[in-house]
PDB file of N, CA and C in Angstrom:
ATOM      1  N   MET A   1     -15.041 -33.102   1.636  1.00  0.00           N
ATOM      2  CA  MET A   1     -14.295 -32.622   2.670  1.00  0.00           C
ATOM      3  C   MET A   1     -13.739 -30.712   1.985  1.00  0.00           C
ATOM      4  N   GLU A   2     -13.961 -30.843   0.952  1.00  0.00           N
ATOM      5  CA  GLU A   2     -13.533 -30.032   0.287  1.00  0.00           C
ATOM      6  C   GLU A   2     -14.911 -28.931   0.155  1.00  0.00           C
ATOM      7  N   THR A   3     -16.360 -29.964   0.296  1.00  0.00           N
ATOM      8  CA  THR A   3     -17.655 -29.423  -0.053  1.00  0.00           C
ATOM      9  C   THR A   3     -17.780 -28.747   1.329  1.00  0.00           C
ATOM     10  N   PHE A   4     -16.865 -29.712   2.639  1.00  0.00           N
ATOM     11  CA  PHE A   4     -18.031 -29.057   3.785  1.00  0.00           C
ATOM     12  C   PHE A   4     -16.865 -27.217   4.299  1.00  0.00           C
ATOM     13  N   ASN A   5     -15.680 -27.444   3.310  1.00  0.00           N
ATOM     14  CA  ASN A   5     -14.937 -26.265   3.598  1.00  0.00           C
ATOM     15  C   ASN A   5     -15.157 -25.138   2.581  1.00  0.00           C
ATOM     16  N   LEU A   6     -16.255 -25.544   2.262  1.00  0.00           N
ATOM     17  CA  LEU A   6     -16.581 -23.917   0.397  1.00  0.00           C
ATOM     18  C   LEU A   6     -17.620 -23.317   1.466  1.00  0.00           C
ATOM     19  N   GLU A   7     -18.845 -25.005   2.389  1.00  0.00           N
ATOM     20  CA  GLU A   7     -20.338 -24.514   3.057  1.00  0.00           C
ATOM     21  C   GLU A   7     -19.612 -23.625   4.345  1.00  0.00           C
ATOM     22  N   LEU A   8     -19.188 -24.033   5.082  1.00  0.00           N
ATOM     23  CA  LEU A   8     -17.840 -22.217   6.695  1.00  0.00           C
ATOM     24  C   LEU A   8     -17.839 -21.615   5.161  1.00  0.00           C
ATOM     25  N   LYS A   9     -16.330 -21.490   4.357  1.00  0.00           N
ATOM     26  CA  LYS A   9     -17.043 -20.365   4.212  1.00  0.00           C
ATOM     27  C   LYS A   9     -17.603 -19.581   3.494  1.00  0.00           C
ATOM     28  N   ASN A  10     -19.160 -20.204   2.588  1.00  0.00           N
ATOM     29  CA  ASN A  10     -20.054 -19.275   3.059  1.00  0.00           C
ATOM     30  C   ASN A  10     -20.694 -18.498   3.553  1.00  0.00           C
ATOM     31  N   PHE A  11     -20.949 -19.876   4.625  1.00  0.00           N
ATOM     32  CA  PHE A  11     -21.639 -19.391   5.966  1.00  0.00           C
ATOM     33  C   PHE A  11     -20.995 -18.401   6.933  1.00  0.00           C
ATOM     34  N   GLN A  12     -19.088 -18.502   7.150  1.00  0.00           N
ATOM     35  CA  GLN A  12     -18.870 -16.775   7.537  1.00  0.00           C
ATOM     36  C   GLN A  12     -19.043 -15.839   7.382  1.00  0.00           C
ATOM     37  N   LEU A  13     -18.900 -16.068   5.691  1.00  0.00           N
ATOM     38  CA  LEU A  13     -19.114 -14.837   4.455  1.00  0.00           C
ATOM     39  C   LEU A  13     -20.646 -14.267   5.015  1.00  0.00           C
ATOM     40  N   ARG A  14     -21.532 -15.760   4.823  1.00  0.00           N
ATOM     41  CA  ARG A  14     -23.566 -14.890   5.280  1.00  0.00           C
ATOM     42  C   ARG A  14     -23.706 -14.699   6.923  1.00  0.00           C
ATOM     43  N   SER A  15     -22.632 -14.858   6.981  1.00  0.00           N
ATOM     44  CA  SER A  15     -22.418 -14.417   8.583  1.00  0.00           C
ATOM     45  C   SER A  15     -22.535 -13.019   9.183  1.00  0.00           C
ATOM     46  N   GLU A  16     -21.297 -13.226   8.260  1.00  0.00           N
ATOM     47  CA  GLU A  16     -20.028 -11.642   7.713  1.00  0.00           C
ATOM     48  C   GLU A  16     -21.331 -10.015   7.600  1.00  0.00           C
ATOM     49  N   LEU A  17     -22.464 -10.676   6.990  1.00  0.00           N
ATOM     50  CA  LEU A  17     -22.987  -9.212   6.239  1.00  0.00           C
ATOM     51  C   LEU A  17     -23.288  -8.616   7.173  1.00  0.00           C
ATOM     52  N   ARG A  18     -23.620  -9.039   8.671  1.00  0.00           N
ATOM     53  CA  ARG A  18     -24.605  -8.451   9.751  1.00  0.00           C
ATOM     54  C   ARG A  18     -24.050  -7.257   9.671  1.00  0.00           C
ATOM     55  N   HIS A  19     -22.148  -6.896   9.756  1.00  0.00           N
ATOM     56  CA  HIS A  19     -22.141  -5.948  10.363  1.00  0.00           C
ATOM     57  C   HIS A  19     -22.561  -4.954   9.162  1.00  0.00           C
ATOM     58  N   PHE A  20     -23.207  -5.821   7.631  1.00  0.00           N
ATOM     59  CA  PHE A  20     -23.072  -4.559   7.225  1.00  0.00           C
ATOM     60  C   PHE A  20     -24.645  -3.998   6.562  1.00  0.00           C
ATOM     61  N   GLY A  21     -25.152  -4.094   7.722  1.00  0.00           N
ATOM     62  CA  GLY A  21     -27.421  -4.734   8.268  1.00  0.00           C
ATOM     63  C   GLY A  21     -27.493  -4.888   7.473  1.00  0.00           C
ATOM     64  N   LEU A  22     -26.798  -6.290   7.338  1.00  0.00           N
ATOM     65  CA  LEU A  22     -27.859  -6.919   6.535  1.00  0.00           C
ATOM     66  C   LEU A  22     -28.323  -8.605   7.077  1.00  0.00           C
ATOM     67  N   ASN A  23     -29.332  -8.784   6.945  1.00  0.00           N
ATOM     68  CA  ASN A  23     -29.651 -10.687   7.546  1.00  0.00           C
ATOM     69  C   ASN A  23     -28.806 -11.322   6.990  1.00  0.00           C
ATOM     70  N   PRO A  24     -28.024 -12.158   7.570  1.00  0.00           N
ATOM     71  CA  PRO A  24     -27.658 -13.610   6.145  1.00  0.00           C
ATOM     72  C   PRO A  24     -29.171 -14.351   6.179  1.00  0.00           C
ATOM     73  N   ALA A  25     -29.643 -14.764   6.454  1.00  0.00           N
ATOM     74  CA  ALA A  25     -30.887 -15.271   6.163  1.00  0.00           C
ATOM     75  C   ALA A  25     -31.351 -15.010   5.623  1.00  0.00           C
ATOM     76  N   ASP A  26     -31.224 -13.970   4.804  1.00  0.00           N
ATOM     77  CA  ASP A  26     -31.758 -13.367   3.688  1.00  0.00           C
ATOM     78  C   ASP A  26     -31.048 -12.901   2.065  1.00  0.00           C
ATOM     79  N   TRP A  27     -29.838 -13.954   2.462  1.00  0.00           N
ATOM     80  CA  TRP A  27     -29.135 -13.585   1.201  1.00  0.00           C
ATOM     81  C   TRP A  27     -28.491 -15.425   1.101  1.00  0.00           C
ATOM     82  N   SER A  28     -28.520 -14.513  -0.511  1.00  0.00           N
ATOM     83  CA  SER A  28     -27.380 -16.302  -1.067  1.00  0.00           C
ATOM     84  C   SER A  28     -26.694 -16.122  -1.434  1.00  0.00           C
ATOM     85  N   ILE A  29     -24.468 -16.524  -1.085  1.00  0.00           N
ATOM     86  CA  ILE A  29     -23.767 -15.851  -1.819  1.00  0.00           C
ATOM     87  C   ILE A  29     -22.947 -17.132  -3.521  1.00  0.00           C
ATOM     88  N   ILE A  30     -23.087 -16.264  -4.208  1.00  0.00           N
ATOM     89  CA  ILE A  30     -22.071 -17.342  -5.344  1.00  0.00           C
ATOM     90  C   ILE A  30     -20.585 -16.574  -5.826  1.00  0.00           C
ATOM     91  N   LYS A  31     -19.521 -17.451  -5.690  1.00  0.00           N
ATOM     92  CA  LYS A  31     -18.437 -17.343  -6.445  1.00  0.00           C
ATOM     93  C   LYS A  31     -18.403 -17.414  -7.671  1.00  0.00           C
ATOM     94  N   LEU A  32     -18.243 -15.904  -7.872  1.00  0.00           N
ATOM     95  CA  LEU A  32     -17.920 -15.730  -9.756  1.00  0.00           C
ATOM     96  C   LEU A  32     -16.261 -16.041  -9.777  1.00  0.00           C
ATOM     97  N   GLN A  33     -15.548 -15.414  -9.153  1.00  0.00           N
ATOM     98  CA  GLN A  33     -13.549 -15.222  -9.395  1.00  0.00           C
ATOM     99  C   GLN A  33     -13.229 -15.520  -8.011  1.00  0.00           C
ATOM    100  N   SER A  34     -11.692 -15.566  -7.881  1.00  0.00           N
ATOM    101  CA  SER A  34     -11.533 -16.588  -6.921  1.00  0.00           C
ATOM    102  C   SER A  34     -11.424 -14.804  -5.981  1.00  0.00           C
ATOM    103  N   LEU A  35     -11.588 -13.822  -5.852  1.00  0.00           N
ATOM    104  CA  LEU A  35     -12.696 -12.554  -4.748  1.00  0.00           C
ATOM    105  C   LEU A  35     -13.396 -11.933  -4.914  1.00  0.00           C
ATOM    106  N   SER A  36     -14.015 -11.978  -5.802  1.00  0.00           N
ATOM    107  CA  SER A  36     -15.376 -11.661  -5.949  1.00  0.00           C
ATOM    108  C   SER A  36     -15.971 -12.369  -6.219  1.00  0.00           C
ATOM    109  N   TYR A  37     -17.821 -12.114  -5.450  1.00  0.00           N
ATOM    110  CA  TYR A  37     -18.931 -12.563  -5.860  1.00  0.00           C
ATOM    111  C   TYR A  37     -20.403 -12.424  -5.362  1.00  0.00           C
ATOM    112  N   LEU A  38     -21.473 -12.836  -5.047  1.00  0.00           N
ATOM    113  CA  LEU A  38     -22.431 -11.694  -6.278  1.00  0.00           C
ATOM    114  C   LEU A  38     -23.389 -12.788  -5.093  1.00  0.00           C
ATOM    115  N   ILE A  39     -24.229 -11.335  -4.231  1.00  0.00           N
ATOM    116  CA  ILE A  39     -24.691 -11.844  -3.128  1.00  0.00           C
ATOM    117  C   ILE A  39     -25.973 -11.714  -3.456  1.00  0.00           C
ATOM    118  N   LYS A  40     -27.191 -11.822  -3.348  1.00  0.00           N
ATOM    119  CA  LYS A  40     -28.245 -12.519  -3.743  1.00  0.00           C
ATOM    120  C   LYS A  40     -29.563 -11.858  -3.021  1.00  0.00           C
ATOM    121  N   ASN A  41     -30.321 -11.716  -2.460  1.00  0.00           N
ATOM    122  CA  ASN A  41     -32.140 -11.443  -2.233  1.00  0.00           C
ATOM    123  C   ASN A  41     -32.039 -12.794  -1.884  1.00  0.00           C
ATOM    124  N   LYS A  42     -32.996 -13.783  -1.307  1.00  0.00           N
ATOM    125  CA  LYS A  42     -32.989 -14.522  -1.535  1.00  0.00           C
ATOM    126  C   LYS A  42     -34.861 -14.377  -1.767  1.00  0.00           C
ATOM    127  N   VAL A  43     -35.988 -13.418  -1.739  1.00  0.00           N
ATOM    128  CA  VAL A  43     -36.733 -12.741  -1.643  1.00  0.00           C
ATOM    129  C   VAL A  43     -36.909 -12.363  -3.625  1.00  0.00           C
ATOM    130  N   ASP A  44     -36.361 -11.417  -3.341  1.00  0.00           N
ATOM    131  CA  ASP A  44     -36.110 -10.632  -4.895  1.00  0.00           C
ATOM    132  C   ASP A  44     -34.889 -10.203  -5.487  1.00  0.00           C
ATOM    133  N   GLU A  45     -34.374 -11.579  -6.485  1.00  0.00           N
ATOM    134  CA  GLU A  45     -33.644 -12.194  -6.833  1.00  0.00           C
ATOM    135  C   GLU A  45     -32.500 -10.633  -7.793  1.00  0.00           C
ATOM    136  N   SER A  46     -33.456  -9.559  -7.645  1.00  0.00           N
ATOM    137  CA  SER A  46     -33.005  -8.760  -9.184  1.00  0.00           C
ATOM    138  C   SER A  46     -32.014  -7.768  -8.216  1.00  0.00           C
ATOM    139  N   PHE A  47     -32.619  -7.165  -7.078  1.00  0.00           N
ATOM    140  CA  PHE A  47     -31.630  -7.005  -5.642  1.00  0.00           C
ATOM    141  C   PHE A  47     -30.122  -7.318  -4.753  1.00  0.00           C
ATOM    142  N   SER A  48     -29.145  -7.323  -6.078  1.00  0.00           N
ATOM    143  CA  SER A  48     -27.575  -8.097  -5.386  1.00  0.00           C
ATOM    144  C   SER A  48     -26.625  -7.143  -5.038  1.00  0.00           C
ATOM    145  N   LEU A  49     -26.248  -7.998  -4.567  1.00  0.00           N
ATOM    146  CA  LEU A  49     -24.302  -6.698  -4.571  1.00  0.00           C
ATOM    147  C   LEU A  49     -23.319  -7.719  -5.071  1.00  0.00           C
ATOM    148  N   TYR A  50     -21.927  -6.732  -5.628  1.00  0.00           N
ATOM    149  CA  TYR A  50     -20.995  -7.425  -5.609  1.00  0.00           C
ATOM    150  C   TYR A  50     -20.152  -6.996  -4.071  1.00  0.00           C
ATOM    151  N   GLY A  51     -19.482  -8.258  -3.356  1.00  0.00           N
ATOM    152  CA  GLY A  51     -18.607  -8.347  -3.064  1.00  0.00           C
ATOM    153  C   GLY A  51     -17.975  -8.703  -3.162  1.00  0.00           C
ATOM    154  N   GLN A  52     -16.674  -7.695  -3.081  1.00  0.00           N
ATOM    155  CA  GLN A  52     -15.375  -8.339  -2.767  1.00  0.00           C
ATOM    156  C   GLN A  52     -14.136  -8.792  -1.305  1.00  0.00           C
ATOM    157  N   LEU A  53     -12.954  -9.854  -1.321  1.00  0.00           N
ATOM    158  CA  LEU A  53     -13.478 -10.184  -0.531  1.00  0.00           C
ATOM    159  C   LEU A  53     -11.504 -10.434  -0.335  1.00  0.00           C
ATOM    160  N   GLU A  54     -11.243 -10.393   0.958  1.00  0.00           N
ATOM    161  CA  GLU A  54      -9.954 -10.409   1.191  1.00  0.00           C
ATOM    162  C   GLU A  54      -9.272 -11.047   2.931  1.00  0.00           C
ATOM    163  N   TYR A  55      -8.480 -11.420   2.623  1.00  0.00           N
ATOM    164  CA  TYR A  55      -7.767 -11.942   3.913  1.00  0.00           C
ATOM    165  C   TYR A  55      -7.285 -11.223   4.385  1.00  0.00           C
ATOM    166  N   LYS A  56      -7.642 -11.719   6.376  1.00  0.00           N
ATOM    167  CA  LYS A  56      -6.934 -11.489   6.707  1.00  0.00           C
ATOM    168  C   LYS A  56      -6.378 -12.607   8.539  1.00  0.00           C
ATOM    169  N   LYS A  57      -5.761 -12.703   8.525  1.00  0.00           N
ATOM    170  CA  LYS A  57      -4.094 -13.650   9.295  1.00  0.00           C
ATOM    171  C   LYS A  57      -5.010 -15.378   8.831  1.00  0.00           C
ATOM    172  N   SER A  58      -5.647 -15.062   7.392  1.00  0.00           N
ATOM    173  CA  SER A  58      -5.769 -17.097   7.389  1.00  0.00           C
ATOM    174  C   SER A  58      -7.635 -15.716   6.245  1.00  0.00           C
ATOM    175  N   LYS A  59      -8.165 -14.602   7.247  1.00  0.00           N
ATOM    176  CA  LYS A  59      -9.796 -15.783   7.616  1.00  0.00           C
ATOM    177  C   LYS A  59     -10.904 -14.551   5.999  1.00  0.00           C
ATOM    178  N   PRO A  60     -11.685 -15.079   5.427  1.00  0.00           N
ATOM    179  CA  PRO A  60     -12.210 -14.675   4.484  1.00  0.00           C
ATOM    180  C   PRO A  60     -12.675 -12.976   5.399  1.00  0.00           C
ATOM    181  N   THR A  61     -12.302 -12.719   4.861  1.00  0.00           N
ATOM    182  CA  THR A  61     -13.259 -11.678   4.825  1.00  0.00           C
ATOM    183  C   THR A  61     -14.383  -9.719   3.734  1.00  0.00           C
ATOM    184  N   TRP A  62     -15.091  -9.555   4.191  1.00  0.00           N
ATOM    185  CA  TRP A  62     -15.834  -8.722   3.160  1.00  0.00           C
ATOM    186  C   TRP A  62     -14.877  -7.859   2.941  1.00  0.00           C
ATOM    187  N   LYS A  63     -13.828  -7.298   1.671  1.00  0.00           N
ATOM    188  CA  LYS A  63     -13.284  -6.620   2.481  1.00  0.00           C
ATOM    189  C   LYS A  63     -14.517  -4.560   0.737  1.00  0.00           C
ATOM    190  N   SER A  64     -15.409  -5.310  -0.142  1.00  0.00           N
ATOM    191  CA  SER A  64     -16.141  -4.261   0.056  1.00  0.00           C
ATOM    192  C   SER A  64     -17.651  -4.725  -0.636  1.00  0.00           C
ATOM    193  N   LEU A  65     -18.625  -4.154  -0.513  1.00  0.00           N
ATOM    194  CA  LEU A  65     -20.083  -4.700  -1.017  1.00  0.00           C
ATOM    195  C   LEU A  65     -19.796  -3.336  -1.828  1.00  0.00           C
ATOM    196  N   GLU A  66     -20.645  -3.502  -3.076  1.00  0.00           N
ATOM    197  CA  GLU A  66     -22.109  -2.532  -3.621  1.00  0.00           C
ATOM    198  C   GLU A  66     -22.999  -2.946  -4.479  1.00  0.00           C
ATOM    199  N   LEU A  67     -23.441  -2.468  -4.581  1.00  0.00           N
ATOM    200  CA  LEU A  67     -24.922  -2.273  -5.425  1.00  0.00           C
ATOM    201  C   LEU A  67     -24.606  -2.953  -7.037  1.00  0.00           C
ATOM    202  N   ALA A  68     -25.697  -4.254  -6.690  1.00  0.00           N
ATOM    203  CA  ALA A  68     -25.274  -4.616  -8.543  1.00  0.00           C
ATOM    204  C   ALA A  68     -26.424  -4.652  -9.765  1.00  0.00           C
ATOM    205  N   SER A  69     -26.101  -4.807 -10.259  1.00  0.00           N
ATOM    206  CA  SER A  69     -27.547  -4.285 -11.237  1.00  0.00           C
ATOM    207  C   SER A  69     -26.376  -4.504 -12.794  1.00  0.00           C
ATOM    208  N   PHE A  70     -28.164  -5.358 -12.965  1.00  0.00           N
ATOM    209  CA  PHE A  70     -27.796  -5.998 -13.926  1.00  0.00           C
ATOM    210  C   PHE A  70     -28.994  -5.675 -15.523  1.00  0.00           C
TER     211      PHE A  70
END
């Protein structure tokens, strides 16, 4: 059940990438810390974003997205 909840949360977060002008199908999400995520482009993995979450009404939503450089 926990795996299902995690997959649902990742799906919701990927879907919200639309609000930033991104196609959710082009991105994968990797949890770094409790509210921090690495968002990687599936075609060009060197193109990544760093995302911070916040919870509104118990629903996770993106607080910010920043270009990540490695």
